[in-house]
mmCIF file of all heavy atoms, coordinates in Angstrom:
data_MODEL
# 
_entry.id   MODEL 
# 
loop_
_atom_site.group_PDB 
_atom_site.id 
_atom_site.type_symbol 
_atom_site.label_atom_id 
_atom_site.label_alt_id 
_atom_site.label_comp_id 
_atom_site.label_asym_id 
_atom_site.label_entity_id 
_atom_site.label_seq_id 
_atom_site.pdbx_PDB_ins_code 
_atom_site.Cartn_x 
_atom_site.Cartn_y 
_atom_site.Cartn_z 
_atom_site.occupancy 
_atom_site.B_iso_or_equiv 
_atom_site.pdbx_formal_charge 
_atom_site.auth_seq_id 
_atom_site.auth_comp_id 
_atom_site.auth_asym_id 
_atom_site.auth_atom_id 
_atom_site.pdbx_PDB_model_num 
ATOM 1   N N   . PRO A 1 1  ? 16.249 -20.489 3.614   1.00 0.00 ? 1  PRO A N   1 
ATOM 2   C CA  . PRO A 1 1  ? 17.102 -20.469 2.429   1.00 0.00 ? 1  PRO A CA  1 
ATOM 3   C C   . PRO A 1 1  ? 16.800 -19.301 1.487   1.00 0.00 ? 1  PRO A C   1 
ATOM 4   O O   . PRO A 1 1  ? 17.722 -18.636 0.999   1.00 0.00 ? 1  PRO A O   1 
ATOM 5   C CB  . PRO A 1 1  ? 16.806 -21.822 1.777   1.00 0.00 ? 1  PRO A CB  1 
ATOM 6   C CG  . PRO A 1 1  ? 16.480 -22.721 2.926   1.00 0.00 ? 1  PRO A CG  1 
ATOM 7   C CD  . PRO A 1 1  ? 15.716 -21.844 3.875   1.00 0.00 ? 1  PRO A CD  1 
ATOM 8   N N   . ASP A 1 2  ? 15.518 -19.030 1.229   1.00 0.00 ? 2  ASP A N   1 
ATOM 9   C CA  . ASP A 1 2  ? 15.167 -17.942 0.316   1.00 0.00 ? 2  ASP A CA  1 
ATOM 10  C C   . ASP A 1 2  ? 15.609 -16.592 0.866   1.00 0.00 ? 2  ASP A C   1 
ATOM 11  O O   . ASP A 1 2  ? 16.106 -15.734 0.111   1.00 0.00 ? 2  ASP A O   1 
ATOM 12  C CB  . ASP A 1 2  ? 13.659 -17.933 0.063   1.00 0.00 ? 2  ASP A CB  1 
ATOM 13  C CG  . ASP A 1 2  ? 13.226 -19.068 -0.856  1.00 0.00 ? 2  ASP A CG  1 
ATOM 14  O OD1 . ASP A 1 2  ? 14.095 -19.671 -1.522  1.00 0.00 ? 2  ASP A OD1 1 
ATOM 15  O OD2 . ASP A 1 2  ? 12.006 -19.359 -0.901  1.00 0.00 ? 2  ASP A OD2 1 
ATOM 16  N N   . GLN A 1 3  ? 15.425 -16.379 2.158   1.00 0.00 ? 3  GLN A N   1 
ATOM 17  C CA  . GLN A 1 3  ? 15.856 -15.116 2.762   1.00 0.00 ? 3  GLN A CA  1 
ATOM 18  C C   . GLN A 1 3  ? 17.363 -14.924 2.618   1.00 0.00 ? 3  GLN A C   1 
ATOM 19  O O   . GLN A 1 3  ? 17.836 -13.822 2.293   1.00 0.00 ? 3  GLN A O   1 
ATOM 20  C CB  . GLN A 1 3  ? 15.476 -15.091 4.242   1.00 0.00 ? 3  GLN A CB  1 
ATOM 21  C CG  . GLN A 1 3  ? 14.011 -14.911 4.528   1.00 0.00 ? 3  GLN A CG  1 
ATOM 22  C CD  . GLN A 1 3  ? 13.686 -15.083 6.008   1.00 0.00 ? 3  GLN A CD  1 
ATOM 23  O OE1 . GLN A 1 3  ? 14.402 -15.772 6.754   1.00 0.00 ? 3  GLN A OE1 1 
ATOM 24  N NE2 . GLN A 1 3  ? 12.597 -14.470 6.449   1.00 0.00 ? 3  GLN A NE2 1 
ATOM 25  N N   . LEU A 1 4  ? 18.103 -15.988 2.851   1.00 0.00 ? 4  LEU A N   1 
ATOM 26  C CA  . LEU A 1 4  ? 19.557 -15.889 2.808   1.00 0.00 ? 4  LEU A CA  1 
ATOM 27  C C   . LEU A 1 4  ? 20.071 -15.716 1.385   1.00 0.00 ? 4  LEU A C   1 
ATOM 28  O O   . LEU A 1 4  ? 21.009 -14.940 1.148   1.00 0.00 ? 4  LEU A O   1 
ATOM 29  C CB  . LEU A 1 4  ? 20.177 -17.126 3.461   1.00 0.00 ? 4  LEU A CB  1 
ATOM 30  C CG  . LEU A 1 4  ? 19.882 -17.284 4.953   1.00 0.00 ? 4  LEU A CG  1 
ATOM 31  C CD1 . LEU A 1 4  ? 20.344 -18.636 5.462   1.00 0.00 ? 4  LEU A CD1 1 
ATOM 32  C CD2 . LEU A 1 4  ? 20.534 -16.163 5.763   1.00 0.00 ? 4  LEU A CD2 1 
ATOM 33  N N   . MET A 1 5  ? 19.472 -16.427 0.447   1.00 0.00 ? 5  MET A N   1 
ATOM 34  C CA  . MET A 1 5  ? 19.901 -16.273 -0.944  1.00 0.00 ? 5  MET A CA  1 
ATOM 35  C C   . MET A 1 5  ? 19.643 -14.850 -1.435  1.00 0.00 ? 5  MET A C   1 
ATOM 36  O O   . MET A 1 5  ? 20.441 -14.288 -2.196  1.00 0.00 ? 5  MET A O   1 
ATOM 37  C CB  . MET A 1 5  ? 19.175 -17.287 -1.828  1.00 0.00 ? 5  MET A CB  1 
ATOM 38  C CG  . MET A 1 5  ? 19.495 -18.740 -1.502  1.00 0.00 ? 5  MET A CG  1 
ATOM 39  S SD  . MET A 1 5  ? 21.165 -19.251 -1.924  1.00 0.00 ? 5  MET A SD  1 
ATOM 40  C CE  . MET A 1 5  ? 20.915 -19.821 -3.594  1.00 0.00 ? 5  MET A CE  1 
ATOM 41  N N   . GLU A 1 6  ? 18.559 -14.263 -0.966  1.00 0.00 ? 6  GLU A N   1 
ATOM 42  C CA  . GLU A 1 6  ? 18.252 -12.872 -1.326  1.00 0.00 ? 6  GLU A CA  1 
ATOM 43  C C   . GLU A 1 6  ? 19.243 -11.914 -0.681  1.00 0.00 ? 6  GLU A C   1 
ATOM 44  O O   . GLU A 1 6  ? 19.834 -11.054 -1.354  1.00 0.00 ? 6  GLU A O   1 
ATOM 45  C CB  . GLU A 1 6  ? 16.823 -12.547 -0.868  1.00 0.00 ? 6  GLU A CB  1 
ATOM 46  C CG  . GLU A 1 6  ? 16.394 -11.107 -1.124  1.00 0.00 ? 6  GLU A CG  1 
ATOM 47  C CD  . GLU A 1 6  ? 16.002 -10.856 -2.567  1.00 0.00 ? 6  GLU A CD  1 
ATOM 48  O OE1 . GLU A 1 6  ? 15.512 -11.780 -3.227  1.00 0.00 ? 6  GLU A OE1 1 
ATOM 49  O OE2 . GLU A 1 6  ? 16.189 -9.699  -3.015  1.00 0.00 ? 6  GLU A OE2 1 
ATOM 50  N N   . LYS A 1 7  ? 19.465 -12.058 0.615   1.00 0.00 ? 7  LYS A N   1 
ATOM 51  C CA  . LYS A 1 7  ? 20.338 -11.126 1.330   1.00 0.00 ? 7  LYS A CA  1 
ATOM 52  C C   . LYS A 1 7  ? 21.779 -11.188 0.840   1.00 0.00 ? 7  LYS A C   1 
ATOM 53  O O   . LYS A 1 7  ? 22.455 -10.152 0.749   1.00 0.00 ? 7  LYS A O   1 
ATOM 54  C CB  . LYS A 1 7  ? 20.296 -11.417 2.837   1.00 0.00 ? 7  LYS A CB  1 
ATOM 55  C CG  . LYS A 1 7  ? 21.234 -10.499 3.629   1.00 0.00 ? 7  LYS A CG  1 
ATOM 56  C CD  . LYS A 1 7  ? 21.056 -10.643 5.121   1.00 0.00 ? 7  LYS A CD  1 
ATOM 57  C CE  . LYS A 1 7  ? 22.017 -9.695  5.850   1.00 0.00 ? 7  LYS A CE  1 
ATOM 58  N NZ  . LYS A 1 7  ? 21.830 -9.730  7.317   1.00 0.00 ? 7  LYS A NZ  1 
ATOM 59  N N   . TYR A 1 8  ? 22.252 -12.395 0.503   1.00 0.00 ? 8  TYR A N   1 
ATOM 60  C CA  . TYR A 1 8  ? 23.655 -12.547 0.135   1.00 0.00 ? 8  TYR A CA  1 
ATOM 61  C C   . TYR A 1 8  ? 23.896 -12.526 -1.376  1.00 0.00 ? 8  TYR A C   1 
ATOM 62  O O   . TYR A 1 8  ? 24.989 -12.831 -1.840  1.00 0.00 ? 8  TYR A O   1 
ATOM 63  C CB  . TYR A 1 8  ? 24.216 -13.821 0.769   1.00 0.00 ? 8  TYR A CB  1 
ATOM 64  C CG  . TYR A 1 8  ? 24.365 -13.686 2.262   1.00 0.00 ? 8  TYR A CG  1 
ATOM 65  C CD1 . TYR A 1 8  ? 23.301 -14.002 3.116   1.00 0.00 ? 8  TYR A CD1 1 
ATOM 66  C CD2 . TYR A 1 8  ? 25.531 -13.198 2.838   1.00 0.00 ? 8  TYR A CD2 1 
ATOM 67  C CE1 . TYR A 1 8  ? 23.405 -13.853 4.487   1.00 0.00 ? 8  TYR A CE1 1 
ATOM 68  C CE2 . TYR A 1 8  ? 25.650 -13.052 4.211   1.00 0.00 ? 8  TYR A CE2 1 
ATOM 69  C CZ  . TYR A 1 8  ? 24.582 -13.380 5.028   1.00 0.00 ? 8  TYR A CZ  1 
ATOM 70  O OH  . TYR A 1 8  ? 24.695 -13.221 6.399   1.00 0.00 ? 8  TYR A OH  1 
ATOM 71  N N   . GLY A 1 9  ? 22.863 -12.138 -2.116  1.00 0.00 ? 9  GLY A N   1 
ATOM 72  C CA  . GLY A 1 9  ? 23.060 -11.863 -3.537  1.00 0.00 ? 9  GLY A CA  1 
ATOM 73  C C   . GLY A 1 9  ? 23.187 -13.066 -4.431  1.00 0.00 ? 9  GLY A C   1 
ATOM 74  O O   . GLY A 1 9  ? 23.979 -13.042 -5.388  1.00 0.00 ? 9  GLY A O   1 
ATOM 75  N N   . LEU A 1 10 ? 22.383 -14.118 -4.184  1.00 0.00 ? 10 LEU A N   1 
ATOM 76  C CA  . LEU A 1 10 ? 22.487 -15.340 -4.970  1.00 0.00 ? 10 LEU A CA  1 
ATOM 77  C C   . LEU A 1 10 ? 21.167 -15.681 -5.668  1.00 0.00 ? 10 LEU A C   1 
ATOM 78  O O   . LEU A 1 10 ? 20.816 -16.848 -5.806  1.00 0.00 ? 10 LEU A O   1 
ATOM 79  C CB  . LEU A 1 10 ? 22.909 -16.515 -4.075  1.00 0.00 ? 10 LEU A CB  1 
ATOM 80  C CG  . LEU A 1 10 ? 24.202 -16.356 -3.271  1.00 0.00 ? 10 LEU A CG  1 
ATOM 81  C CD1 . LEU A 1 10 ? 24.502 -17.635 -2.503  1.00 0.00 ? 10 LEU A CD1 1 
ATOM 82  C CD2 . LEU A 1 10 ? 25.374 -16.007 -4.174  1.00 0.00 ? 10 LEU A CD2 1 
ATOM 83  N N   . THR A 1 11 ? 20.447 -14.678 -6.150  1.00 0.00 ? 11 THR A N   1 
ATOM 84  C CA  . THR A 1 11 ? 19.175 -14.903 -6.822  1.00 0.00 ? 11 THR A CA  1 
ATOM 85  C C   . THR A 1 11 ? 19.331 -14.744 -8.329  1.00 0.00 ? 11 THR A C   1 
ATOM 86  O O   . THR A 1 11 ? 20.365 -14.300 -8.827  1.00 0.00 ? 11 THR A O   1 
ATOM 87  C CB  . THR A 1 11 ? 18.113 -13.910 -6.340  1.00 0.00 ? 11 THR A CB  1 
ATOM 88  O OG1 . THR A 1 11 ? 18.467 -12.591 -6.810  1.00 0.00 ? 11 THR A OG1 1 
ATOM 89  C CG2 . THR A 1 11 ? 18.015 -13.885 -4.820  1.00 0.00 ? 11 THR A CG2 1 
ATOM 90  N N   . GLU A 1 12 ? 18.268 -15.100 -9.053  1.00 0.00 ? 12 GLU A N   1 
ATOM 91  C CA  . GLU A 1 12 ? 18.288 -14.914 -10.506 1.00 0.00 ? 12 GLU A CA  1 
ATOM 92  C C   . GLU A 1 12 ? 18.467 -13.448 -10.893 1.00 0.00 ? 12 GLU A C   1 
ATOM 93  O O   . GLU A 1 12 ? 19.116 -13.126 -11.892 1.00 0.00 ? 12 GLU A O   1 
ATOM 94  C CB  . GLU A 1 12 ? 17.019 -15.487 -11.146 1.00 0.00 ? 12 GLU A CB  1 
ATOM 95  C CG  . GLU A 1 12 ? 15.715 -14.894 -10.659 1.00 0.00 ? 12 GLU A CG  1 
ATOM 96  C CD  . GLU A 1 12 ? 15.108 -15.670 -9.480  1.00 0.00 ? 12 GLU A CD  1 
ATOM 97  O OE1 . GLU A 1 12 ? 15.880 -16.266 -8.697  1.00 0.00 ? 12 GLU A OE1 1 
ATOM 98  O OE2 . GLU A 1 12 ? 13.871 -15.661 -9.363  1.00 0.00 ? 12 GLU A OE2 1 
ATOM 99  N N   . ASN A 1 13 ? 17.909 -12.535 -10.081 1.00 0.00 ? 13 ASN A N   1 
ATOM 100 C CA  . ASN A 1 13 ? 18.068 -11.110 -10.382 1.00 0.00 ? 13 ASN A CA  1 
ATOM 101 C C   . ASN A 1 13 ? 19.512 -10.656 -10.213 1.00 0.00 ? 13 ASN A C   1 
ATOM 102 O O   . ASN A 1 13 ? 19.991 -9.784  -10.947 1.00 0.00 ? 13 ASN A O   1 
ATOM 103 C CB  . ASN A 1 13 ? 17.139 -10.280 -9.490  1.00 0.00 ? 13 ASN A CB  1 
ATOM 104 C CG  . ASN A 1 13 ? 15.679 -10.464 -9.859  1.00 0.00 ? 13 ASN A CG  1 
ATOM 105 O OD1 . ASN A 1 13 ? 15.333 -10.592 -11.030 1.00 0.00 ? 13 ASN A OD1 1 
ATOM 106 N ND2 . ASN A 1 13 ? 14.803 -10.499 -8.863  1.00 0.00 ? 13 ASN A ND2 1 
ATOM 107 N N   . ASP A 1 14 ? 20.212 -11.254 -9.258  1.00 0.00 ? 14 ASP A N   1 
ATOM 108 C CA  . ASP A 1 14 ? 21.637 -10.933 -9.095  1.00 0.00 ? 14 ASP A CA  1 
ATOM 109 C C   . ASP A 1 14 ? 22.444 -11.432 -10.284 1.00 0.00 ? 14 ASP A C   1 
ATOM 110 O O   . ASP A 1 14 ? 23.411 -10.779 -10.711 1.00 0.00 ? 14 ASP A O   1 
ATOM 111 C CB  . ASP A 1 14 ? 22.164 -11.556 -7.797  1.00 0.00 ? 14 ASP A CB  1 
ATOM 112 C CG  . ASP A 1 14 ? 21.524 -10.957 -6.564  1.00 0.00 ? 14 ASP A CG  1 
ATOM 113 O OD1 . ASP A 1 14 ? 21.683 -9.743  -6.350  1.00 0.00 ? 14 ASP A OD1 1 
ATOM 114 O OD2 . ASP A 1 14 ? 20.843 -11.690 -5.832  1.00 0.00 ? 14 ASP A OD2 1 
ATOM 115 N N   . ILE A 1 15 ? 22.061 -12.576 -10.834 1.00 0.00 ? 15 ILE A N   1 
ATOM 116 C CA  . ILE A 1 15 ? 22.746 -13.082 -12.026 1.00 0.00 ? 15 ILE A CA  1 
ATOM 117 C C   . ILE A 1 15 ? 22.473 -12.172 -13.224 1.00 0.00 ? 15 ILE A C   1 
ATOM 118 O O   . ILE A 1 15 ? 23.373 -11.886 -14.021 1.00 0.00 ? 15 ILE A O   1 
ATOM 119 C CB  . ILE A 1 15 ? 22.313 -14.537 -12.319 1.00 0.00 ? 15 ILE A CB  1 
ATOM 120 C CG1 . ILE A 1 15 ? 22.737 -15.455 -11.163 1.00 0.00 ? 15 ILE A CG1 1 
ATOM 121 C CG2 . ILE A 1 15 ? 22.905 -15.028 -13.631 1.00 0.00 ? 15 ILE A CG2 1 
ATOM 122 C CD1 . ILE A 1 15 ? 22.229 -16.885 -11.277 1.00 0.00 ? 15 ILE A CD1 1 
ATOM 123 N N   . VAL A 1 16 ? 21.235 -11.693 -13.346 1.00 0.00 ? 16 VAL A N   1 
ATOM 124 C CA  . VAL A 1 16 ? 20.893 -10.754 -14.419 1.00 0.00 ? 16 VAL A CA  1 
ATOM 125 C C   . VAL A 1 16 ? 21.749 -9.496  -14.323 1.00 0.00 ? 16 VAL A C   1 
ATOM 126 O O   . VAL A 1 16 ? 22.329 -9.035  -15.312 1.00 0.00 ? 16 VAL A O   1 
ATOM 127 C CB  . VAL A 1 16 ? 19.390 -10.398 -14.359 1.00 0.00 ? 16 VAL A CB  1 
ATOM 128 C CG1 . VAL A 1 16 ? 19.083 -9.220  -15.282 1.00 0.00 ? 16 VAL A CG1 1 
ATOM 129 C CG2 . VAL A 1 16 ? 18.543 -11.608 -14.737 1.00 0.00 ? 16 VAL A CG2 1 
ATOM 130 N N   . THR A 1 17 ? 21.835 -8.932  -13.127 1.00 0.00 ? 17 THR A N   1 
ATOM 131 C CA  . THR A 1 17 ? 22.634 -7.714  -12.927 1.00 0.00 ? 17 THR A CA  1 
ATOM 132 C C   . THR A 1 17 ? 24.097 -7.957  -13.271 1.00 0.00 ? 17 THR A C   1 
ATOM 133 O O   . THR A 1 17 ? 24.753 -7.123  -13.914 1.00 0.00 ? 17 THR A O   1 
ATOM 134 C CB  . THR A 1 17 ? 22.509 -7.233  -11.471 1.00 0.00 ? 17 THR A CB  1 
ATOM 135 O OG1 . THR A 1 17 ? 21.136 -6.956  -11.190 1.00 0.00 ? 17 THR A OG1 1 
ATOM 136 C CG2 . THR A 1 17 ? 23.336 -5.984  -11.235 1.00 0.00 ? 17 THR A CG2 1 
ATOM 137 N N   . ALA A 1 18 ? 24.624 -9.106  -12.846 1.00 0.00 ? 18 ALA A N   1 
ATOM 138 C CA  . ALA A 1 18 ? 26.013 -9.436  -13.142 1.00 0.00 ? 18 ALA A CA  1 
ATOM 139 C C   . ALA A 1 18 ? 26.228 -9.587  -14.636 1.00 0.00 ? 18 ALA A C   1 
ATOM 140 O O   . ALA A 1 18 ? 27.262 -9.153  -15.185 1.00 0.00 ? 18 ALA A O   1 
ATOM 141 C CB  . ALA A 1 18 ? 26.408 -10.713 -12.410 1.00 0.00 ? 18 ALA A CB  1 
ATOM 142 N N   . ALA A 1 19 ? 25.273 -10.196 -15.330 1.00 0.00 ? 19 ALA A N   1 
ATOM 143 C CA  . ALA A 1 19 ? 25.391 -10.361 -16.781 1.00 0.00 ? 19 ALA A CA  1 
ATOM 144 C C   . ALA A 1 19 ? 25.401 -9.012  -17.482 1.00 0.00 ? 19 ALA A C   1 
ATOM 145 O O   . ALA A 1 19 ? 26.206 -8.781  -18.405 1.00 0.00 ? 19 ALA A O   1 
ATOM 146 C CB  . ALA A 1 19 ? 24.238 -11.217 -17.300 1.00 0.00 ? 19 ALA A CB  1 
ATOM 147 N N   . GLU A 1 20 ? 24.556 -8.112  -17.044 1.00 0.00 ? 20 GLU A N   1 
ATOM 148 C CA  . GLU A 1 20 ? 24.520 -6.775  -17.656 1.00 0.00 ? 20 GLU A CA  1 
ATOM 149 C C   . GLU A 1 20 ? 25.825 -6.023  -17.398 1.00 0.00 ? 20 GLU A C   1 
ATOM 150 O O   . GLU A 1 20 ? 26.323 -5.294  -18.283 1.00 0.00 ? 20 GLU A O   1 
ATOM 151 C CB  . GLU A 1 20 ? 23.311 -6.002  -17.115 1.00 0.00 ? 20 GLU A CB  1 
ATOM 152 C CG  . GLU A 1 20 ? 21.981 -6.564  -17.598 1.00 0.00 ? 20 GLU A CG  1 
ATOM 153 C CD  . GLU A 1 20 ? 20.773 -5.926  -16.935 1.00 0.00 ? 20 GLU A CD  1 
ATOM 154 O OE1 . GLU A 1 20 ? 20.907 -5.442  -15.776 1.00 0.00 ? 20 GLU A OE1 1 
ATOM 155 O OE2 . GLU A 1 20 ? 19.707 -5.915  -17.564 1.00 0.00 ? 20 GLU A OE2 1 
ATOM 156 N N   . ARG A 1 21 ? 26.403 -6.191  -16.228 1.00 0.00 ? 21 ARG A N   1 
ATOM 157 C CA  . ARG A 1 21 ? 27.702 -5.561  -15.932 1.00 0.00 ? 21 ARG A CA  1 
ATOM 158 C C   . ARG A 1 21 ? 28.796 -6.127  -16.831 1.00 0.00 ? 21 ARG A C   1 
ATOM 159 O O   . ARG A 1 21 ? 29.624 -5.385  -17.365 1.00 0.00 ? 21 ARG A O   1 
ATOM 160 C CB  . ARG A 1 21 ? 28.082 -5.761  -14.476 1.00 0.00 ? 21 ARG A CB  1 
ATOM 161 C CG  . ARG A 1 21 ? 27.385 -4.848  -13.496 1.00 0.00 ? 21 ARG A CG  1 
ATOM 162 C CD  . ARG A 1 21 ? 28.141 -4.776  -12.160 1.00 0.00 ? 21 ARG A CD  1 
ATOM 163 N NE  . ARG A 1 21 ? 28.385 -6.098  -11.597 1.00 0.00 ? 21 ARG A NE  1 
ATOM 164 C CZ  . ARG A 1 21 ? 27.615 -6.680  -10.665 1.00 0.00 ? 21 ARG A CZ  1 
ATOM 165 N NH1 . ARG A 1 21 ? 26.528 -6.054  -10.241 1.00 0.00 ? 21 ARG A NH1 1 
ATOM 166 N NH2 . ARG A 1 21 ? 27.913 -7.868  -10.186 1.00 0.00 ? 21 ARG A NH2 1 
ATOM 167 N N   . ALA A 1 22 ? 28.815 -7.444  -16.974 1.00 0.00 ? 22 ALA A N   1 
ATOM 168 C CA  . ALA A 1 22 ? 29.828 -8.081  -17.811 1.00 0.00 ? 22 ALA A CA  1 
ATOM 169 C C   . ALA A 1 22 ? 29.725 -7.606  -19.252 1.00 0.00 ? 22 ALA A C   1 
ATOM 170 O O   . ALA A 1 22 ? 30.747 -7.323  -19.907 1.00 0.00 ? 22 ALA A O   1 
ATOM 171 C CB  . ALA A 1 22 ? 29.698 -9.598  -17.726 1.00 0.00 ? 22 ALA A CB  1 
ATOM 172 N N   . ILE A 1 23 ? 28.499 -7.523  -19.753 1.00 0.00 ? 23 ILE A N   1 
ATOM 173 C CA  . ILE A 1 23 ? 28.299 -7.059  -21.146 1.00 0.00 ? 23 ILE A CA  1 
ATOM 174 C C   . ILE A 1 23 ? 28.746 -5.625  -21.299 1.00 0.00 ? 23 ILE A C   1 
ATOM 175 O O   . ILE A 1 23 ? 29.391 -5.263  -22.297 1.00 0.00 ? 23 ILE A O   1 
ATOM 176 C CB  . ILE A 1 23 ? 26.827 -7.241  -21.541 1.00 0.00 ? 23 ILE A CB  1 
ATOM 177 C CG1 . ILE A 1 23 ? 26.470 -8.736  -21.623 1.00 0.00 ? 23 ILE A CG1 1 
ATOM 178 C CG2 . ILE A 1 23 ? 26.531 -6.549  -22.857 1.00 0.00 ? 23 ILE A CG2 1 
ATOM 179 C CD1 . ILE A 1 23 ? 24.983 -9.007  -21.737 1.00 0.00 ? 23 ILE A CD1 1 
ATOM 180 N N   . SER A 1 24 ? 28.439 -4.773  -20.327 1.00 0.00 ? 24 SER A N   1 
ATOM 181 C CA  . SER A 1 24 ? 28.845 -3.360  -20.410 1.00 0.00 ? 24 SER A CA  1 
ATOM 182 C C   . SER A 1 24 ? 30.350 -3.209  -20.398 1.00 0.00 ? 24 SER A C   1 
ATOM 183 O O   . SER A 1 24 ? 30.907 -2.341  -21.093 1.00 0.00 ? 24 SER A O   1 
ATOM 184 C CB  . SER A 1 24 ? 28.208 -2.556  -19.277 1.00 0.00 ? 24 SER A CB  1 
ATOM 185 O OG  . SER A 1 24 ? 28.770 -2.913  -18.019 1.00 0.00 ? 24 SER A OG  1 
ATOM 186 N N   . ARG A 1 25 ? 31.035 -4.029  -19.644 1.00 0.00 ? 25 ARG A N   1 
ATOM 187 C CA  . ARG A 1 25 ? 32.500 -3.987  -19.605 1.00 0.00 ? 25 ARG A CA  1 
ATOM 188 C C   . ARG A 1 25 ? 33.088 -4.441  -20.937 1.00 0.00 ? 25 ARG A C   1 
ATOM 189 O O   . ARG A 1 25 ? 34.078 -3.901  -21.421 1.00 0.00 ? 25 ARG A O   1 
ATOM 190 C CB  . ARG A 1 25 ? 33.028 -4.856  -18.466 1.00 0.00 ? 25 ARG A CB  1 
ATOM 191 C CG  . ARG A 1 25 ? 32.746 -4.302  -17.085 1.00 0.00 ? 25 ARG A CG  1 
ATOM 192 C CD  . ARG A 1 25 ? 33.125 -5.310  -16.003 1.00 0.00 ? 25 ARG A CD  1 
ATOM 193 N NE  . ARG A 1 25 ? 34.542 -5.669  -16.101 1.00 0.00 ? 25 ARG A NE  1 
ATOM 194 C CZ  . ARG A 1 25 ? 35.074 -6.758  -15.551 1.00 0.00 ? 25 ARG A CZ  1 
ATOM 195 N NH1 . ARG A 1 25 ? 34.278 -7.593  -14.889 1.00 0.00 ? 25 ARG A NH1 1 
ATOM 196 N NH2 . ARG A 1 25 ? 36.343 -6.999  -15.678 1.00 0.00 ? 25 ARG A NH2 1 
ATOM 197 N N   . LYS A 1 26 ? 32.450 -5.447  -21.530 1.00 0.00 ? 26 LYS A N   1 
ATOM 198 C CA  . LYS A 1 26 ? 32.918 -5.959  -22.835 1.00 0.00 ? 26 LYS A CA  1 
ATOM 199 C C   . LYS A 1 26 ? 32.803 -4.874  -23.904 1.00 0.00 ? 26 LYS A C   1 
ATOM 200 O O   . LYS A 1 26 ? 33.672 -4.794  -24.789 1.00 0.00 ? 26 LYS A O   1 
ATOM 201 C CB  . LYS A 1 26 ? 32.068 -7.177  -23.211 1.00 0.00 ? 26 LYS A CB  1 
ATOM 202 C CG  . LYS A 1 26 ? 32.326 -7.709  -24.612 1.00 0.00 ? 26 LYS A CG  1 
ATOM 203 C CD  . LYS A 1 26 ? 31.429 -8.892  -24.939 1.00 0.00 ? 26 LYS A CD  1 
ATOM 204 C CE  . LYS A 1 26 ? 29.976 -8.528  -25.033 1.00 0.00 ? 26 LYS A CE  1 
ATOM 205 N NZ  . LYS A 1 26 ? 29.138 -9.647  -25.557 1.00 0.00 ? 26 LYS A NZ  1 
ATOM 206 N N   . ASN A 1 27 ? 31.768 -4.073  -23.808 1.00 0.00 ? 27 ASN A N   1 
ATOM 207 C CA  . ASN A 1 27 ? 31.478 -3.104  -24.868 1.00 0.00 ? 27 ASN A CA  1 
ATOM 208 C C   . ASN A 1 27 ? 32.201 -1.780  -24.705 1.00 0.00 ? 27 ASN A C   1 
ATOM 209 O O   . ASN A 1 27 ? 32.028 -0.873  -25.522 1.00 0.00 ? 27 ASN A O   1 
ATOM 210 C CB  . ASN A 1 27 ? 29.969 -2.881  -24.941 1.00 0.00 ? 27 ASN A CB  1 
ATOM 211 C CG  . ASN A 1 27 ? 29.215 -4.109  -25.400 1.00 0.00 ? 27 ASN A CG  1 
ATOM 212 O OD1 . ASN A 1 27 ? 29.773 -4.950  -26.113 1.00 0.00 ? 27 ASN A OD1 1 
ATOM 213 N ND2 . ASN A 1 27 ? 27.970 -4.256  -24.988 1.00 0.00 ? 27 ASN A ND2 1 
ATOM 214 N N   . LYS A 1 28 ? 32.985 -1.643  -23.642 1.00 0.00 ? 28 LYS A N   1 
ATOM 215 C CA  . LYS A 1 28 ? 33.702 -0.369  -23.446 1.00 0.00 ? 28 LYS A CA  1 
ATOM 216 C C   . LYS A 1 28 ? 34.891 -0.274  -24.404 1.00 0.00 ? 28 LYS A C   1 
ATOM 217 O O   . LYS A 1 28 ? 35.554 -1.256  -24.677 1.00 0.00 ? 28 LYS A O   1 
ATOM 218 C CB  . LYS A 1 28 ? 34.191 -0.273  -21.993 1.00 0.00 ? 28 LYS A CB  1 
ATOM 219 C CG  . LYS A 1 28 ? 33.070 0.074   -21.029 1.00 0.00 ? 28 LYS A CG  1 
ATOM 220 C CD  . LYS A 1 28 ? 33.607 0.288   -19.617 1.00 0.00 ? 28 LYS A CD  1 
ATOM 221 C CE  . LYS A 1 28 ? 32.487 0.679   -18.646 1.00 0.00 ? 28 LYS A CE  1 
ATOM 222 N NZ  . LYS A 1 28 ? 32.975 0.864   -17.259 1.00 0.00 ? 28 LYS A NZ  1 
# 
């Protein structure tokens, strides 16, 4: 499960990256 969640982009770090992208889009 951990290997797959990492490979397919479902980790806490992926959520962090997505949040930063969303904030950057909001601020444009």
